PDB file of N, CA and C in Angstrom:
ATOM      1  N   MET A   1     191.271 120.009 -19.859  1.00  0.00           N
ATOM      2  CA  MET A   1     190.740 121.310 -19.421  1.00  0.00           C
ATOM      3  C   MET A   1     189.770 121.895 -20.462  1.00  0.00           C
ATOM      4  N   VAL A   2     190.145 121.736 -21.696  1.00  0.00           N
ATOM      5  CA  VAL A   2     189.458 122.375 -22.755  1.00  0.00           C
ATOM      6  C   VAL A   2     188.063 121.569 -22.855  1.00  0.00           C
ATOM      7  N   ARG A   3     188.167 120.391 -22.796  1.00  0.00           N
ATOM      8  CA  ARG A   3     186.950 119.424 -22.971  1.00  0.00           C
ATOM      9  C   ARG A   3     185.915 119.964 -21.916  1.00  0.00           C
ATOM     10  N   THR A   4     186.394 120.085 -20.654  1.00  0.00           N
ATOM     11  CA  THR A   4     185.357 120.429 -19.519  1.00  0.00           C
ATOM     12  C   THR A   4     184.746 121.919 -19.754  1.00  0.00           C
ATOM     13  N   ARG A   5     185.529 122.764 -20.436  1.00  0.00           N
ATOM     14  CA  ARG A   5     185.137 124.196 -20.790  1.00  0.00           C
ATOM     15  C   ARG A   5     184.154 123.853 -21.879  1.00  0.00           C
ATOM     16  N   MET A   6     184.377 123.062 -22.867  1.00  0.00           N
ATOM     17  CA  MET A   6     183.423 122.832 -24.070  1.00  0.00           C
ATOM     18  C   MET A   6     182.141 122.355 -23.559  1.00  0.00           C
ATOM     19  N   ARG A   7     182.260 121.426 -22.583  1.00  0.00           N
ATOM     20  CA  ARG A   7     180.969 120.819 -22.078  1.00  0.00           C
ATOM     21  C   ARG A   7     180.154 121.797 -21.352  1.00  0.00           C
ATOM     22  N   ARG A   8     180.917 122.630 -20.607  1.00  0.00           N
ATOM     23  CA  ARG A   8     180.253 123.810 -19.874  1.00  0.00           C
ATOM     24  C   ARG A   8     179.536 124.630 -20.848  1.00  0.00           C
ATOM     25  N   ILE A   9     180.182 125.147 -21.958  1.00  0.00           N
ATOM     26  CA  ILE A   9     179.667 126.041 -22.826  1.00  0.00           C
ATOM     27  C   ILE A   9     178.315 125.340 -23.447  1.00  0.00           C
ATOM     28  N   ILE A  10     178.363 124.130 -23.805  1.00  0.00           N
ATOM     29  CA  ILE A  10     177.255 123.362 -24.344  1.00  0.00           C
ATOM     30  C   ILE A  10     176.187 123.437 -23.414  1.00  0.00           C
ATOM     31  N   ARG A  11     176.375 123.094 -22.028  1.00  0.00           N
ATOM     32  CA  ARG A  11     175.360 123.021 -20.990  1.00  0.00           C
ATOM     33  C   ARG A  11     174.640 124.400 -20.941  1.00  0.00           C
ATOM     34  N   LEU A  12     175.533 125.360 -20.858  1.00  0.00           N
ATOM     35  CA  LEU A  12     174.944 126.745 -20.626  1.00  0.00           C
ATOM     36  C   LEU A  12     174.082 127.122 -21.813  1.00  0.00           C
ATOM     37  N   LEU A  13     174.467 126.794 -23.028  1.00  0.00           N
ATOM     38  CA  LEU A  13     173.506 127.099 -24.214  1.00  0.00           C
ATOM     39  C   LEU A  13     172.292 126.287 -24.265  1.00  0.00           C
ATOM     40  N   GLU A  14     172.421 125.018 -23.745  1.00  0.00           N
ATOM     41  CA  GLU A  14     171.164 124.262 -23.678  1.00  0.00           C
ATOM     42  C   GLU A  14     170.216 124.616 -22.604  1.00  0.00           C
ATOM     43  N   THR A  15     170.743 125.171 -21.573  1.00  0.00           N
ATOM     44  CA  THR A  15     169.829 125.446 -20.377  1.00  0.00           C
ATOM     45  C   THR A  15     169.440 126.816 -20.431  1.00  0.00           C
ATOM     46  N   ASN A  16     170.123 127.793 -20.991  1.00  0.00           N
ATOM     47  CA  ASN A  16     169.915 129.165 -20.857  1.00  0.00           C
ATOM     48  C   ASN A  16     169.872 129.855 -22.259  1.00  0.00           C
ATOM     49  N   ASP A  17     169.283 131.111 -22.167  1.00  0.00           N
ATOM     50  CA  ASP A  17     169.224 131.963 -23.354  1.00  0.00           C
ATOM     51  C   ASP A  17     170.791 132.582 -23.461  1.00  0.00           C
ATOM     52  N   PHE A  18     171.181 132.721 -24.629  1.00  0.00           N
ATOM     53  CA  PHE A  18     172.535 133.242 -24.865  1.00  0.00           C
ATOM     54  C   PHE A  18     172.682 134.672 -24.136  1.00  0.00           C
ATOM     55  N   ASN A  19     171.820 135.521 -24.127  1.00  0.00           N
ATOM     56  CA  ASN A  19     171.939 136.884 -23.560  1.00  0.00           C
ATOM     57  C   ASN A  19     172.194 136.769 -22.043  1.00  0.00           C
ATOM     58  N   ASP A  20     171.627 135.715 -21.429  1.00  0.00           N
ATOM     59  CA  ASP A  20     171.676 135.454 -19.945  1.00  0.00           C
ATOM     60  C   ASP A  20     173.150 135.069 -19.545  1.00  0.00           C
ATOM     61  N   VAL A  21     173.805 134.250 -20.362  1.00  0.00           N
ATOM     62  CA  VAL A  21     175.125 133.769 -20.081  1.00  0.00           C
ATOM     63  C   VAL A  21     176.087 134.246 -21.104  1.00  0.00           C
ATOM     64  N   LYS A  22     176.052 135.379 -21.619  1.00  0.00           N
ATOM     65  CA  LYS A  22     176.867 135.812 -22.733  1.00  0.00           C
ATOM     66  C   LYS A  22     178.408 136.144 -22.120  1.00  0.00           C
ATOM     67  N   ASP A  23     178.357 136.837 -20.954  1.00  0.00           N
ATOM     68  CA  ASP A  23     179.523 137.197 -20.287  1.00  0.00           C
ATOM     69  C   ASP A  23     180.375 135.983 -19.961  1.00  0.00           C
ATOM     70  N   GLU A  24     179.748 135.014 -19.365  1.00  0.00           N
ATOM     71  CA  GLU A  24     180.358 133.707 -18.870  1.00  0.00           C
ATOM     72  C   GLU A  24     180.904 133.008 -20.138  1.00  0.00           C
ATOM     73  N   ILE A  25     180.098 132.946 -21.230  1.00  0.00           N
ATOM     74  CA  ILE A  25     180.636 132.012 -22.274  1.00  0.00           C
ATOM     75  C   ILE A  25     181.673 132.813 -23.104  1.00  0.00           C
ATOM     76  N   LEU A  26     181.649 134.167 -23.162  1.00  0.00           N
ATOM     77  CA  LEU A  26     182.775 134.883 -23.901  1.00  0.00           C
ATOM     78  C   LEU A  26     183.921 135.416 -23.162  1.00  0.00           C
ATOM     79  N   ALA A  27     183.995 134.760 -21.931  1.00  0.00           N
ATOM     80  CA  ALA A  27     185.191 135.092 -21.090  1.00  0.00           C
ATOM     81  C   ALA A  27     186.407 134.570 -21.730  1.00  0.00           C
ATOM     82  N   PRO A  28     187.629 135.289 -21.565  1.00  0.00           N
ATOM     83  CA  PRO A  28     188.777 134.972 -22.226  1.00  0.00           C
ATOM     84  C   PRO A  28     189.355 133.602 -21.995  1.00  0.00           C
ATOM     85  N   ALA A  29     188.850 133.025 -20.686  1.00  0.00           N
ATOM     86  CA  ALA A  29     189.417 131.693 -20.494  1.00  0.00           C
ATOM     87  C   ALA A  29     188.656 130.692 -21.384  1.00  0.00           C
ATOM     88  N   ASN A  30     187.512 130.905 -21.901  1.00  0.00           N
ATOM     89  CA  ASN A  30     186.684 129.999 -22.830  1.00  0.00           C
ATOM     90  C   ASN A  30     186.940 130.123 -24.100  1.00  0.00           C
ATOM     91  N   ALA A  31     187.897 131.075 -24.584  1.00  0.00           N
ATOM     92  CA  ALA A  31     188.058 131.455 -26.042  1.00  0.00           C
ATOM     93  C   ALA A  31     188.534 130.134 -26.857  1.00  0.00           C
ATOM     94  N   GLN A  32     189.338 129.336 -26.305  1.00  0.00           N
ATOM     95  CA  GLN A  32     189.947 128.174 -27.129  1.00  0.00           C
ATOM     96  C   GLN A  32     188.759 127.226 -27.329  1.00  0.00           C
ATOM     97  N   ALA A  33     188.078 126.911 -26.107  1.00  0.00           N
ATOM     98  CA  ALA A  33     186.994 125.988 -26.299  1.00  0.00           C
ATOM     99  C   ALA A  33     185.884 126.490 -27.145  1.00  0.00           C
ATOM    100  N   LEU A  34     185.613 127.746 -27.146  1.00  0.00           N
ATOM    101  CA  LEU A  34     184.487 128.262 -28.072  1.00  0.00           C
ATOM    102  C   LEU A  34     184.973 128.179 -29.445  1.00  0.00           C
ATOM    103  N   ASN A  35     186.291 128.511 -29.787  1.00  0.00           N
ATOM    104  CA  ASN A  35     186.686 128.400 -31.155  1.00  0.00           C
ATOM    105  C   ASN A  35     186.526 126.979 -31.626  1.00  0.00           C
ATOM    106  N   ILE A  36     186.854 125.996 -30.729  1.00  0.00           N
ATOM    107  CA  ILE A  36     186.789 124.565 -31.196  1.00  0.00           C
ATOM    108  C   ILE A  36     185.397 124.246 -31.531  1.00  0.00           C
ATOM    109  N   LEU A  37     184.398 124.560 -30.520  1.00  0.00           N
ATOM    110  CA  LEU A  37     183.053 124.303 -30.956  1.00  0.00           C
ATOM    111  C   LEU A  37     182.573 124.924 -32.066  1.00  0.00           C
ATOM    112  N   ILE A  38     183.081 126.084 -32.427  1.00  0.00           N
ATOM    113  CA  ILE A  38     182.609 126.676 -33.669  1.00  0.00           C
ATOM    114  C   ILE A  38     183.126 126.091 -34.994  1.00  0.00           C
ATOM    115  N   ASP A  39     184.581 125.750 -34.714  1.00  0.00           N
ATOM    116  CA  ASP A  39     185.185 125.047 -35.884  1.00  0.00           C
ATOM    117  C   ASP A  39     184.668 123.591 -36.273  1.00  0.00           C
ATOM    118  N   THR A  40     184.177 122.875 -35.166  1.00  0.00           N
ATOM    119  CA  THR A  40     183.533 121.567 -35.366  1.00  0.00           C
ATOM    120  C   THR A  40     182.136 121.589 -35.823  1.00  0.00           C
ATOM    121  N   GLY A  41     181.519 122.754 -35.738  1.00  0.00           N
ATOM    122  CA  GLY A  41     180.210 122.878 -36.283  1.00  0.00           C
ATOM    123  C   GLY A  41     179.213 122.540 -35.227  1.00  0.00           C
ATOM    124  N   CYS A  42     179.450 122.653 -33.958  1.00  0.00           N
ATOM    125  CA  CYS A  42     178.513 122.538 -32.900  1.00  0.00           C
ATOM    126  C   CYS A  42     177.741 123.760 -32.545  1.00  0.00           C
ATOM    127  N   ILE A  43     178.339 124.855 -32.943  1.00  0.00           N
ATOM    128  CA  ILE A  43     177.629 126.196 -32.632  1.00  0.00           C
ATOM    129  C   ILE A  43     177.596 126.983 -33.798  1.00  0.00           C
ATOM    130  N   ASP A  44     176.441 127.710 -34.074  1.00  0.00           N
ATOM    131  CA  ASP A  44     176.178 128.627 -35.222  1.00  0.00           C
ATOM    132  C   ASP A  44     176.477 129.956 -34.573  1.00  0.00           C
ATOM    133  N   VAL A  45     177.264 130.906 -35.187  1.00  0.00           N
ATOM    134  CA  VAL A  45     177.620 132.256 -34.681  1.00  0.00           C
ATOM    135  C   VAL A  45     177.057 133.215 -35.439  1.00  0.00           C
ATOM    136  N   SER A  46     176.401 134.221 -34.828  1.00  0.00           N
ATOM    137  CA  SER A  46     175.828 135.368 -35.566  1.00  0.00           C
ATOM    138  C   SER A  46     176.745 136.706 -35.044  1.00  0.00           C
ATOM    139  N   ARG A  47     177.158 137.210 -36.055  1.00  0.00           N
ATOM    140  CA  ARG A  47     178.242 138.391 -35.627  1.00  0.00           C
ATOM    141  C   ARG A  47     177.693 139.755 -36.095  1.00  0.00           C
ATOM    142  N   ALA A  48     178.003 140.764 -35.555  1.00  0.00           N
ATOM    143  CA  ALA A  48     177.638 142.118 -35.908  1.00  0.00           C
ATOM    144  C   ALA A  48     178.556 142.600 -36.982  1.00  0.00           C
ATOM    145  N   TRP A  49     178.522 143.563 -37.600  1.00  0.00           N
ATOM    146  CA  TRP A  49     179.406 144.254 -38.576  1.00  0.00           C
ATOM    147  C   TRP A  49     180.802 144.388 -38.090  1.00  0.00           C
ATOM    148  N   GLY A  50     180.954 144.673 -36.804  1.00  0.00           N
ATOM    149  CA  GLY A  50     182.290 144.934 -36.303  1.00  0.00           C
ATOM    150  C   GLY A  50     182.998 143.637 -35.955  1.00  0.00           C
ATOM    151  N   GLY A  51     182.356 142.318 -36.078  1.00  0.00           N
ATOM    152  CA  GLY A  51     182.866 141.156 -35.633  1.00  0.00           C
ATOM    153  C   GLY A  51     182.464 140.637 -34.263  1.00  0.00           C
ATOM    154  N   ALA A  52     181.880 141.508 -33.520  1.00  0.00           N
ATOM    155  CA  ALA A  52     181.426 141.045 -32.197  1.00  0.00           C
ATOM    156  C   ALA A  52     180.343 140.048 -32.293  1.00  0.00           C
ATOM    157  N   ILE A  53     180.385 139.032 -31.387  1.00  0.00           N
ATOM    158  CA  ILE A  53     179.422 137.955 -31.376  1.00  0.00           C
ATOM    159  C   ILE A  53     178.107 138.378 -30.801  1.00  0.00           C
ATOM    160  N   VAL A  54     177.057 138.216 -31.566  1.00  0.00           N
ATOM    161  CA  VAL A  54     175.689 138.787 -31.124  1.00  0.00           C
ATOM    162  C   VAL A  54     174.805 137.583 -30.571  1.00  0.00           C
ATOM    163  N   ASN A  55     174.968 136.367 -31.173  1.00  0.00           N
ATOM    164  CA  ASN A  55     174.341 135.289 -30.879  1.00  0.00           C
ATOM    165  C   ASN A  55     174.983 133.926 -31.003  1.00  0.00           C
ATOM    166  N   LEU A  56     174.811 132.941 -30.117  1.00  0.00           N
ATOM    167  CA  LEU A  56     175.316 131.559 -30.374  1.00  0.00           C
ATOM    168  C   LEU A  56     174.059 130.649 -30.249  1.00  0.00           C
ATOM    169  N   THR A  57     173.964 129.704 -31.042  1.00  0.00           N
ATOM    170  CA  THR A  57     172.976 128.765 -31.044  1.00  0.00           C
ATOM    171  C   THR A  57     173.617 127.339 -31.375  1.00  0.00           C
ATOM    172  N   LEU A  58     173.159 126.292 -30.532  1.00  0.00           N
ATOM    173  CA  LEU A  58     173.615 124.940 -30.903  1.00  0.00           C
ATOM    174  C   LEU A  58     173.080 124.526 -32.244  1.00  0.00           C
ATOM    175  N   ARG A  59     173.841 123.737 -32.956  1.00  0.00           N
ATOM    176  CA  ARG A  59     173.348 123.313 -34.216  1.00  0.00           C
ATOM    177  C   ARG A  59     172.574 121.969 -34.149  1.00  0.00           C
ATOM    178  N   SER A  60     173.264 121.017 -33.995  1.00  0.00           N
ATOM    179  CA  SER A  60     172.549 119.732 -34.007  1.00  0.00           C
ATOM    180  C   SER A  60     173.036 118.925 -32.729  1.00  0.00           C
ATOM    181  N   HIS A  61     172.171 118.076 -32.301  1.00  0.00           N
ATOM    182  CA  HIS A  61     172.470 117.242 -31.154  1.00  0.00           C
ATOM    183  C   HIS A  61     173.579 116.303 -31.312  1.00  0.00           C
ATOM    184  N   SER A  62     173.690 115.761 -32.609  1.00  0.00           N
ATOM    185  CA  SER A  62     174.674 114.826 -32.997  1.00  0.00           C
ATOM    186  C   SER A  62     176.125 115.220 -32.768  1.00  0.00           C
ATOM    187  N   ALA A  63     176.441 116.570 -33.000  1.00  0.00           N
ATOM    188  CA  ALA A  63     177.781 117.085 -32.819  1.00  0.00           C
ATOM    189  C   ALA A  63     177.999 117.001 -31.351  1.00  0.00           C
ATOM    190  N   THR A  64     177.145 117.520 -30.416  1.00  0.00           N
ATOM    191  CA  THR A  64     177.421 117.539 -29.062  1.00  0.00           C
ATOM    192  C   THR A  64     177.443 116.112 -28.541  1.00  0.00           C
ATOM    193  N   TYR A  65     176.586 115.076 -29.093  1.00  0.00           N
ATOM    194  CA  TYR A  65     176.781 113.785 -28.731  1.00  0.00           C
ATOM    195  C   TYR A  65     178.173 113.213 -28.933  1.00  0.00           C
ATOM    196  N   ARG A  66     178.624 113.502 -30.114  1.00  0.00           N
ATOM    197  CA  ARG A  66     180.097 113.059 -30.462  1.00  0.00           C
ATOM    198  C   ARG A  66     181.054 113.567 -29.500  1.00  0.00           C
ATOM    199  N   LEU A  67     180.900 114.704 -28.926  1.00  0.00           N
ATOM    200  CA  LEU A  67     181.795 115.177 -27.787  1.00  0.00           C
ATOM    201  C   LEU A  67     181.671 114.556 -26.579  1.00  0.00           C
ATOM    202  N   GLU A  68     180.401 114.099 -26.249  1.00  0.00           N
ATOM    203  CA  GLU A  68     180.157 113.468 -25.118  1.00  0.00           C
ATOM    204  C   GLU A  68     180.657 111.975 -25.174  1.00  0.00           C
ATOM    205  N   ARG A  69     180.460 111.317 -26.330  1.00  0.00           N
ATOM    206  CA  ARG A  69     180.956 110.035 -26.529  1.00  0.00           C
ATOM    207  C   ARG A  69     182.507 109.981 -26.511  1.00  0.00           C
ATOM    208  N   HIS A  70     183.011 110.999 -26.997  1.00  0.00           N
ATOM    209  CA  HIS A  70     184.512 111.038 -26.936  1.00  0.00           C
ATOM    210  C   HIS A  70     185.071 111.054 -25.547  1.00  0.00           C
ATOM    211  N   ASP A  71     184.309 111.908 -24.764  1.00  0.00           N
ATOM    212  CA  ASP A  71     184.792 112.010 -23.284  1.00  0.00           C
ATOM    213  C   ASP A  71     184.596 110.582 -22.601  1.00  0.00           C
ATOM    214  N   VAL A  72     183.518 109.842 -22.968  1.00  0.00           N
ATOM    215  CA  VAL A  72     183.403 108.646 -22.394  1.00  0.00           C
ATOM    216  C   VAL A  72     184.412 107.639 -22.718  1.00  0.00           C
ATOM    217  N   TRP A  73     184.917 107.612 -23.882  1.00  0.00           N
ATOM    218  CA  TRP A  73     185.969 106.739 -24.346  1.00  0.00           C
ATOM    219  C   TRP A  73     187.277 107.006 -23.749  1.00  0.00           C
ATOM    220  N   ILE A  74     187.636 108.457 -23.554  1.00  0.00           N
ATOM    221  CA  ILE A  74     188.694 108.974 -22.916  1.00  0.00           C
ATOM    222  C   ILE A  74     188.730 108.401 -21.452  1.00  0.00           C
ATOM    223  N   ASN A  75     187.635 108.474 -20.846  1.00  0.00           N
ATOM    224  CA  ASN A  75     187.624 107.996 -19.505  1.00  0.00           C
ATOM    225  C   ASN A  75     187.751 106.488 -19.378  1.00  0.00           C
ATOM    226  N   ARG A  76     187.272 105.798 -20.331  1.00  0.00           N
ATOM    227  CA  ARG A  76     187.598 104.366 -20.265  1.00  0.00           C
ATOM    228  C   ARG A  76     189.020 103.913 -20.521  1.00  0.00           C
ATOM    229  N   LEU A  77     189.629 104.847 -21.332  1.00  0.00           N
ATOM    230  CA  LEU A  77     191.205 104.461 -21.578  1.00  0.00           C
ATOM    231  C   LEU A  77     191.773 104.878 -20.322  1.00  0.00           C
ATOM    232  N   TYR A  78     191.517 106.018 -19.628  1.00  0.00           N
ATOM    233  CA  TYR A  78     192.222 106.243 -18.369  1.00  0.00           C
ATOM    234  C   TYR A  78     191.935 105.221 -17.356  1.00  0.00           C
ATOM    235  N   GLY A  79     190.732 104.672 -17.226  1.00  0.00           N
ATOM    236  CA  GLY A  79     190.455 103.695 -16.256  1.00  0.00           C
ATOM    237  C   GLY A  79     191.157 102.492 -16.546  1.00  0.00           C
ATOM    238  N   PHE A  80     191.255 102.067 -17.898  1.00  0.00           N
ATOM    239  CA  PHE A  80     192.110 100.872 -18.314  1.00  0.00           C
ATOM    240  C   PHE A  80     193.654 101.004 -17.827  1.00  0.00           C
ATOM    241  N   ILE A  81     194.124 102.142 -18.086  1.00  0.00           N
ATOM    242  CA  ILE A  81     195.614 102.346 -17.861  1.00  0.00           C
ATOM    243  C   ILE A  81     195.797 102.360 -16.390  1.00  0.00           C
ATOM    244  N   CYS A  82     194.926 102.988 -15.670  1.00  0.00           N
ATOM    245  CA  CYS A  82     195.024 102.934 -14.153  1.00  0.00           C
ATOM    246  C   CYS A  82     194.890 101.577 -13.652  1.00  0.00           C
ATOM    247  N   GLY A  83     193.999 100.818 -14.096  1.00  0.00           N
ATOM    248  CA  GLY A  83     193.796  99.468 -13.694  1.00  0.00           C
ATOM    249  C   GLY A  83     195.083  98.629 -13.988  1.00  0.00           C
ATOM    250  N   VAL A  84     195.709  98.799 -15.104  1.00  0.00           N
ATOM    251  CA  VAL A  84     196.965  98.029 -15.335  1.00  0.00           C
ATOM    252  C   VAL A  84     197.977  98.459 -14.465  1.00  0.00           C
ATOM    253  N   ALA A  85     198.223  99.693 -14.214  1.00  0.00           N
ATOM    254  CA  ALA A  85     199.121 100.311 -13.320  1.00  0.00           C
ATOM    255  C   ALA A  85     199.047  99.804 -12.011  1.00  0.00           C
ATOM    256  N   VAL A  86     197.723  99.756 -11.400  1.00  0.00           N
ATOM    257  CA  VAL A  86     197.509  99.240 -10.091  1.00  0.00           C
ATOM    258  C   VAL A  86     197.861  97.834  -9.934  1.00  0.00           C
ATOM    259  N   THR A  87     197.588  97.024 -10.942  1.00  0.00           N
ATOM    260  CA  THR A  87     197.900  95.544 -11.004  1.00  0.00           C
ATOM    261  C   THR A  87     199.321  95.403 -10.970  1.00  0.00           C
ATOM    262  N   VAL A  88     200.068  96.233 -11.576  1.00  0.00           N
ATOM    263  CA  VAL A  88     201.574  96.073 -11.841  1.00  0.00           C
ATOM    264  C   VAL A  88     202.222  96.431 -10.428  1.00  0.00           C
ATOM    265  N   VAL A  89     201.744  97.434  -9.846  1.00  0.00           N
ATOM    266  CA  VAL A  89     202.295  98.005  -8.621  1.00  0.00           C
ATOM    267  C   VAL A  89     201.989  96.947  -7.496  1.00  0.00           C
ATOM    268  N   ALA A  90     200.799  96.405  -7.443  1.00  0.00           N
ATOM    269  CA  ALA A  90     200.290  95.429  -6.462  1.00  0.00           C
ATOM    270  C   ALA A  90     201.063  94.064  -6.628  1.00  0.00           C
ATOM    271  N   GLU A  91     201.428  93.772  -7.727  1.00  0.00           N
ATOM    272  CA  GLU A  91     202.199  92.604  -8.118  1.00  0.00           C
ATOM    273  C   GLU A  91     203.616  92.808  -7.421  1.00  0.00           C
ATOM    274  N   LEU A  92     204.210  93.940  -7.740  1.00  0.00           N
ATOM    275  CA  LEU A  92     205.549  94.338  -7.210  1.00  0.00           C
ATOM    276  C   LEU A  92     205.565  94.369  -5.659  1.00  0.00           C
ATOM    277  N   LEU A  93     204.625  94.954  -5.155  1.00  0.00           N
ATOM    278  CA  LEU A  93     204.478  95.073  -3.681  1.00  0.00           C
ATOM    279  C   LEU A  93     204.425  93.612  -3.014  1.00  0.00           C
ATOM    280  N   LEU A  94     203.730  92.678  -3.639  1.00  0.00           N
ATOM    281  CA  LEU A  94     203.469  91.311  -3.138  1.00  0.00           C
ATOM    282  C   LEU A  94     204.831  90.600  -3.202  1.00  0.00           C
ATOM    283  N   ARG A  95     205.550  90.854  -4.299  1.00  0.00           N
ATOM    284  CA  ARG A  95     206.862  90.097  -4.474  1.00  0.00           C
ATOM    285  C   ARG A  95     207.779  90.583  -3.407  1.00  0.00           C
ATOM    286  N   VAL A  96     207.833  91.971  -3.091  1.00  0.00           N
ATOM    287  CA  VAL A  96     208.721  92.627  -2.194  1.00  0.00           C
ATOM    288  C   VAL A  96     208.452  92.131  -0.787  1.00  0.00           C
ATOM    289  N   ILE A  97     207.068  92.021  -0.453  1.00  0.00           N
ATOM    290  CA  ILE A  97     206.567  91.588   0.801  1.00  0.00           C
ATOM    291  C   ILE A  97     206.780  90.119   1.143  1.00  0.00           C
ATOM    292  N   LEU A  98     206.544  89.301   0.183  1.00  0.00           N
ATOM    293  CA  LEU A  98     206.505  87.898   0.384  1.00  0.00           C
ATOM    294  C   LEU A  98     207.967  87.467  -0.117  1.00  0.00           C
TER     295      LEU A  98
END
């Protein structure tokens, strides 16, 4: 769930100005995803004196690329595990039926 929120924040920053999507990005539901993006160096944060976030900008495309590639490999792993599980279940069903 956090990965989807991270991708959504990245997409919002890529396609829109921060001021247009500020409320959506700074929503409490996105707090963990936003902190992860800041900690990994994907996003630069400009803060006011009180600590409030004034602006967010994407740093480099390579950091966002690593996130996207990670998601691809996770999906491949899930696909492999599901493929093995379906094969085992099909084999068991065939033995029971025949």
